[in-house]
Amino acid sequence: MPRLPMSDRPVENQSGHWLLAQVGKKVLRPGGRELTEKMLSALPIHNHDVVELAPGLGKTAEKIVVEEPSSYTGVDEDPDAAHLAAAAAHQAASGHMPANAIRILQGRANNTTLDDESVDVAVGEAMLTMQGDKGKAAIIEEVHRILRPGGRYAIHELGLQPNDLSDGTKTEVRKALARSIKVNARPLTEHEWQDLLTSHGFEVETTHFAPMALLEPKRIISDEGILRTLKIAFNIATKPNVRKRVMGMRQTFQKYENELTAIAIVAKKK
């Protein structure tokens, strides 16, 4: 099995989602498995060309390929993540679609190298949040370029609430997240996410929410099942440096539970 990204870095410096992957967590999206499934259910996947940006462990890739798209392309900058996503997609595709209809490219979300208007559906989860304003815009512009007219762009990201949350509180939450997960996360409010998409030529079709409960026991059991949850708990409990990091992330999420949410939006290219 390919190694996990950042596995050679000290625990103190690893990004939160890859640290969780190392203790056995498979579902790493802010709204969990259920919100991903709601997002995918609003997309025309069967017999369509689908691209996924930063597929990570490949859990969403698995759900996509069983819907039998015409093709599935994953684009990930990290070579280890690309290998993981490829393995997951090909395994899930057995009996659903031919192996040559699946490809994983090592590349950047803002420069996929795909042809203009070459895909029908683009999916990106928990990756725009990790970009600044210019980074978000560059990725959305790239998605707009590769989508055919009428194509859909689906995102599943970390959100802020309510829409009139003060700038000071937004800054406080973002700084706390950055300290905790070791990534410069910049979540947006519902209106800010929607405005960002519409300003780049998209029309919002559906919006769904879920609590930001990534590290709450009930969510972990729902996402991972009892046996994997026990494995995760054991791995955290027996590694003090990992336990410190995970508990720190959980405390941050709990402290700002009223300001944090998970949001999934499906938008159509005009």
Protein backbone atom coordinates (compact mmCIF):
# COMPACT_ATOMS: atom_id res chain seq x y z
CA MET A 1 0.00 0.00 0.00
CA PRO A 2 1.38 3.48 -0.83
CA ARG A 3 2.46 5.50 2.15
CA LEU A 4 0.32 8.32 3.47
CA PRO A 5 1.35 11.90 2.64
CA MET A 6 3.37 13.67 5.36
CA SER A 7 3.96 10.38 7.19
CA ASP A 8 7.65 11.19 7.41
CA ARG A 9 7.07 14.51 9.18
CA PRO A 10 6.99 14.96 12.96
CA VAL A 11 3.49 14.66 14.38
CA GLU A 12 3.65 18.26 15.56
CA ASN A 13 3.99 19.50 11.97
CA GLN A 14 1.56 17.26 10.11
CA SER A 15 -1.64 18.70 8.68
CA GLY A 16 -4.68 17.61 10.64
CA HIS A 17 -6.39 15.51 7.98
CA TRP A 18 -3.30 13.42 7.17
CA LEU A 19 -2.62 12.95 10.88
CA LEU A 20 -6.13 11.55 11.26
CA ALA A 21 -5.56 9.30 8.25
CA GLN A 22 -2.49 7.86 9.97
CA VAL A 23 -4.54 6.75 12.98
CA GLY A 24 -6.97 5.00 10.65
CA LYS A 25 -9.64 7.57 9.83
CA LYS A 26 -10.92 7.15 6.29
CA VAL A 27 -13.64 9.82 6.07
CA LEU A 28 -11.91 13.19 6.34
CA ARG A 29 -14.52 15.60 4.99
CA PRO A 30 -15.99 18.21 7.38
CA GLY A 31 -19.58 17.10 6.91
CA GLY A 32 -18.82 13.39 6.95
CA ARG A 33 -20.06 10.60 4.72
CA GLU A 34 -23.70 11.72 4.79
CA LEU A 35 -23.02 15.20 3.42
CA THR A 36 -20.80 13.78 0.67
CA GLU A 37 -23.61 11.43 -0.33
CA LYS A 38 -26.15 14.28 -0.42
CA MET A 39 -23.81 16.27 -2.65
CA LEU A 40 -23.20 13.35 -5.04
CA SER A 41 -26.92 12.57 -5.26
CA ALA A 42 -27.46 16.00 -6.84
CA LEU A 43 -24.98 15.28 -9.64
CA PRO A 44 -25.44 13.61 -13.05
CA ILE A 45 -22.67 11.02 -12.71
CA HIS A 46 -23.87 7.99 -14.69
CA ASN A 47 -22.52 8.07 -18.27
CA HIS A 48 -20.82 11.43 -17.69
CA ASP A 49 -17.17 12.45 -17.55
CA VAL A 50 -16.20 13.25 -13.95
CA VAL A 51 -13.08 14.88 -12.52
CA GLU A 52 -12.26 15.00 -8.82
CA LEU A 53 -9.75 17.50 -7.47
CA ALA A 54 -7.54 16.34 -4.57
CA PRO A 55 -9.24 12.95 -4.10
CA GLY A 56 -7.04 12.14 -1.10
CA LEU A 57 -7.67 8.61 0.19
CA GLY A 58 -10.16 7.97 -2.60
CA LYS A 59 -13.30 7.49 -0.50
CA THR A 60 -15.38 9.78 -2.72
CA ALA A 61 -13.76 8.27 -5.82
CA GLU A 62 -15.15 4.91 -4.72
CA LYS A 63 -18.67 6.33 -4.52
CA ILE A 64 -18.33 8.00 -7.92
CA VAL A 65 -17.06 5.01 -9.91
CA VAL A 66 -19.81 2.67 -8.70
CA GLU A 67 -22.28 5.08 -10.34
CA GLU A 68 -20.63 4.14 -13.67
CA PRO A 69 -19.50 7.44 -15.12
CA SER A 70 -18.17 7.44 -18.67
CA SER A 71 -14.79 8.32 -17.18
CA TYR A 72 -13.26 9.25 -13.85
CA THR A 73 -10.18 11.45 -13.55
CA GLY A 74 -8.55 12.35 -10.26
CA VAL A 75 -6.05 15.20 -9.99
CA ASP A 76 -3.81 15.37 -6.93
CA GLU A 77 -0.60 17.30 -6.38
CA ASP A 78 0.79 14.82 -3.86
CA PRO A 79 2.19 11.64 -5.47
CA ASP A 80 1.40 9.50 -2.42
CA ALA A 81 -2.21 10.70 -2.38
CA ALA A 82 -2.47 10.09 -6.14
CA HIS A 83 -1.39 6.47 -5.64
CA LEU A 84 -3.87 5.99 -2.80
CA ALA A 85 -6.74 7.44 -4.84
CA ALA A 86 -5.84 5.29 -7.85
CA ALA A 87 -5.86 2.11 -5.80
CA ALA A 88 -9.22 2.95 -4.23
CA ALA A 89 -10.85 3.93 -7.53
CA HIS A 90 -9.67 0.86 -9.43
CA GLN A 91 -10.74 -1.49 -6.65
CA ALA A 92 -14.21 0.06 -6.45
CA ALA A 93 -14.58 0.10 -10.23
CA SER A 94 -14.29 -3.67 -10.61
CA GLY A 95 -17.51 -4.81 -12.27
CA HIS A 96 -18.75 -1.23 -12.72
CA MET A 97 -16.53 0.36 -15.35
CA PRO A 98 -13.43 -0.55 -17.39
CA ALA A 99 -10.03 0.14 -15.86
CA ASN A 100 -8.98 2.30 -18.81
CA ALA A 101 -11.82 4.72 -18.03
CA ILE A 102 -10.05 5.66 -14.79
CA ARG A 103 -6.96 7.80 -14.53
CA ILE A 104 -5.23 9.67 -11.75
CA LEU A 105 -3.07 12.63 -12.71
CA GLN A 106 -0.42 14.18 -10.53
CA GLY A 107 -1.09 17.88 -10.91
CA ARG A 108 -2.45 21.03 -9.38
CA ALA A 109 -6.12 21.89 -8.99
CA ASN A 110 -5.49 25.30 -10.59
CA ASN A 111 -3.71 23.74 -13.57
CA THR A 112 -5.15 20.31 -14.28
CA THR A 113 -3.79 20.14 -17.87
CA LEU A 114 -7.21 18.84 -18.96
CA ASP A 115 -8.68 20.15 -22.21
CA ASP A 116 -11.15 23.01 -22.35
CA GLU A 117 -14.77 21.90 -21.87
CA SER A 118 -13.76 18.25 -21.50
CA VAL A 119 -15.74 17.14 -18.42
CA ASP A 120 -19.36 17.18 -17.27
CA VAL A 121 -18.88 17.11 -13.51
CA ALA A 122 -16.14 18.43 -11.21
CA VAL A 123 -15.93 17.52 -7.53
CA GLY A 124 -13.73 19.04 -4.85
CA GLU A 125 -13.94 18.44 -1.12
CA ALA A 126 -12.16 20.13 1.78
CA MET A 127 -9.62 21.78 -0.50
CA LEU A 128 -10.90 25.25 -1.38
CA THR A 129 -11.07 25.97 2.35
CA MET A 130 -7.30 25.55 2.52
CA GLN A 131 -6.71 28.30 -0.07
CA GLY A 132 -6.54 32.07 0.24
CA ASP A 133 -8.71 34.32 -1.90
CA LYS A 134 -6.44 34.14 -4.96
CA GLY A 135 -6.04 30.38 -4.64
CA LYS A 136 -9.78 29.83 -4.41
CA ALA A 137 -10.38 32.00 -7.48
CA ALA A 138 -7.69 30.24 -9.53
CA ILE A 139 -9.14 26.80 -8.84
CA ILE A 140 -12.71 27.85 -9.61
CA GLU A 141 -11.55 29.49 -12.85
CA GLU A 142 -9.81 26.26 -13.82
CA VAL A 143 -12.96 24.25 -13.10
CA HIS A 144 -14.99 26.66 -15.19
CA ARG A 145 -12.51 26.19 -18.05
CA ILE A 146 -12.64 22.40 -18.11
CA LEU A 147 -16.41 22.06 -17.62
CA ARG A 148 -18.69 21.78 -20.60
CA PRO A 149 -21.56 24.29 -20.77
CA GLY A 150 -24.18 23.22 -18.25
CA GLY A 151 -21.63 21.14 -16.32
CA ARG A 152 -21.81 20.89 -12.54
CA TYR A 153 -19.24 21.82 -9.92
CA ALA A 154 -19.74 20.28 -6.47
CA ILE A 155 -17.86 21.43 -3.38
CA HIS A 156 -17.91 20.17 0.21
CA GLU A 157 -16.13 22.63 2.46
CA LEU A 158 -15.84 24.10 5.91
CA GLY A 159 -18.22 26.99 6.49
CA LEU A 160 -18.74 29.85 8.91
CA GLN A 161 -22.07 30.90 10.37
CA PRO A 162 -24.18 32.98 10.55
CA ASN A 163 -23.87 35.00 7.37
CA ASP A 164 -23.46 38.22 9.35
CA LEU A 165 -20.63 36.86 11.50
CA SER A 166 -18.29 39.72 12.36
CA ASP A 167 -14.93 40.06 10.63
CA GLY A 168 -13.22 39.93 13.99
CA THR A 169 -14.78 36.58 14.85
CA LYS A 170 -13.95 35.21 11.40
CA THR A 171 -10.32 36.11 11.93
CA GLU A 172 -10.30 34.58 15.41
CA VAL A 173 -11.75 31.29 14.15
CA ARG A 174 -9.38 31.09 11.20
CA LYS A 175 -6.33 31.71 13.38
CA ALA A 176 -7.47 29.07 15.87
CA LEU A 177 -7.97 26.54 13.08
CA ALA A 178 -4.56 27.29 11.59
CA ARG A 179 -2.86 26.71 14.94
CA SER A 180 -4.75 23.49 15.50
CA ILE A 181 -4.74 21.74 12.12
CA LYS A 182 -1.44 23.22 10.88
CA VAL A 183 -3.07 24.43 7.66
CA ASN A 184 -3.99 28.02 6.86
CA ALA A 185 -7.71 27.29 6.61
CA ARG A 186 -9.97 30.10 5.39
CA PRO A 187 -13.61 28.93 5.59
CA LEU A 188 -16.38 31.21 4.30
CA THR A 189 -20.02 31.84 5.17
CA GLU A 190 -22.79 30.37 3.03
CA HIS A 191 -23.31 33.67 1.21
CA GLU A 192 -19.57 34.10 0.67
CA TRP A 193 -19.22 30.61 -0.84
CA GLN A 194 -22.22 31.18 -3.08
CA ASP A 195 -21.05 34.64 -4.15
CA LEU A 196 -17.62 33.23 -4.96
CA LEU A 197 -19.13 30.66 -7.30
CA THR A 198 -21.60 33.02 -8.98
CA SER A 199 -18.88 35.62 -9.55
CA HIS A 200 -17.01 33.05 -11.64
CA GLY A 201 -19.85 32.11 -13.94
CA PHE A 202 -21.76 29.51 -11.91
CA GLU A 203 -25.37 29.31 -10.82
CA VAL A 204 -26.00 27.68 -7.43
CA GLU A 205 -28.47 24.79 -7.64
CA THR A 206 -28.36 23.08 -4.22
CA THR A 207 -26.89 23.85 -0.80
CA HIS A 208 -26.75 21.42 2.10
CA PHE A 209 -25.30 21.67 5.61
CA ALA A 210 -24.09 19.34 8.35
CA PRO A 211 -22.61 20.01 11.79
CA MET A 212 -18.83 20.27 11.92
CA ALA A 213 -18.55 17.15 14.08
CA LEU A 214 -15.56 15.45 12.49
CA LEU A 215 -14.08 14.27 15.80
CA GLU A 216 -17.26 13.62 17.76
CA PRO A 217 -17.80 9.93 18.66
CA LYS A 218 -21.28 9.72 17.12
CA ARG A 219 -20.01 11.08 13.78
CA ILE A 220 -16.93 8.86 13.79
CA ILE A 221 -19.05 5.76 14.36
CA SER A 222 -21.45 6.83 11.59
CA ASP A 223 -18.60 7.47 9.15
CA GLU A 224 -16.25 4.64 10.05
CA GLY A 225 -18.27 1.88 11.76
CA ILE A 226 -17.72 0.40 15.22
CA LEU A 227 -14.64 -1.71 14.50
CA ARG A 228 -12.68 1.04 12.74
CA THR A 229 -13.72 3.53 15.43
CA LEU A 230 -12.23 1.22 18.05
CA LYS A 231 -9.04 0.96 16.02
CA ILE A 232 -8.84 4.74 15.71
CA ALA A 233 -9.44 5.18 19.45
CA PHE A 234 -6.70 2.66 20.25
CA ASN A 235 -4.20 4.33 17.92
CA ILE A 236 -4.88 7.72 19.49
CA ALA A 237 -4.80 6.45 23.07
CA THR A 238 -1.48 4.64 22.67
CA LYS A 239 0.42 7.52 21.04
CA PRO A 240 0.73 10.48 23.42
CA ASN A 241 1.96 12.99 20.82
CA VAL A 242 -0.85 12.03 18.45
CA ARG A 243 -3.40 12.16 21.27
CA LYS A 244 -2.29 15.68 22.16
CA ARG A 245 -2.75 16.87 18.58
CA VAL A 246 -6.12 15.18 18.07
CA MET A 247 -7.50 16.41 21.38
CA GLY A 248 -6.30 19.91 20.51
CA MET A 249 -8.16 19.82 17.20
CA ARG A 250 -11.30 18.51 18.88
CA GLN A 251 -11.17 21.25 21.51
CA THR A 252 -10.90 23.90 18.78
CA PHE A 253 -13.87 22.44 16.90
CA GLN A 254 -15.90 22.34 20.09
CA LYS A 255 -14.94 25.87 21.13
CA TYR A 256 -16.24 27.25 17.83
CA GLU A 257 -19.08 24.78 17.24
CA ASN A 258 -21.56 27.67 16.93
CA GLU A 259 -19.45 29.40 14.28
CA LEU A 260 -18.36 26.34 12.27
CA THR A 261 -20.45 24.26 9.89
CA ALA A 262 -19.95 21.97 6.92
CA ILE A 263 -21.42 23.06 3.61
CA ALA A 264 -21.92 21.31 0.28
CA ILE A 265 -22.90 23.26 -2.84
CA VAL A 266 -23.67 22.09 -6.35
CA ALA A 267 -23.41 24.83 -8.96
CA LYS A 268 -24.04 24.80 -12.72
CA LYS A 269 -21.80 26.42 -15.31
CA LYS A 270 -23.89 29.03 -17.08
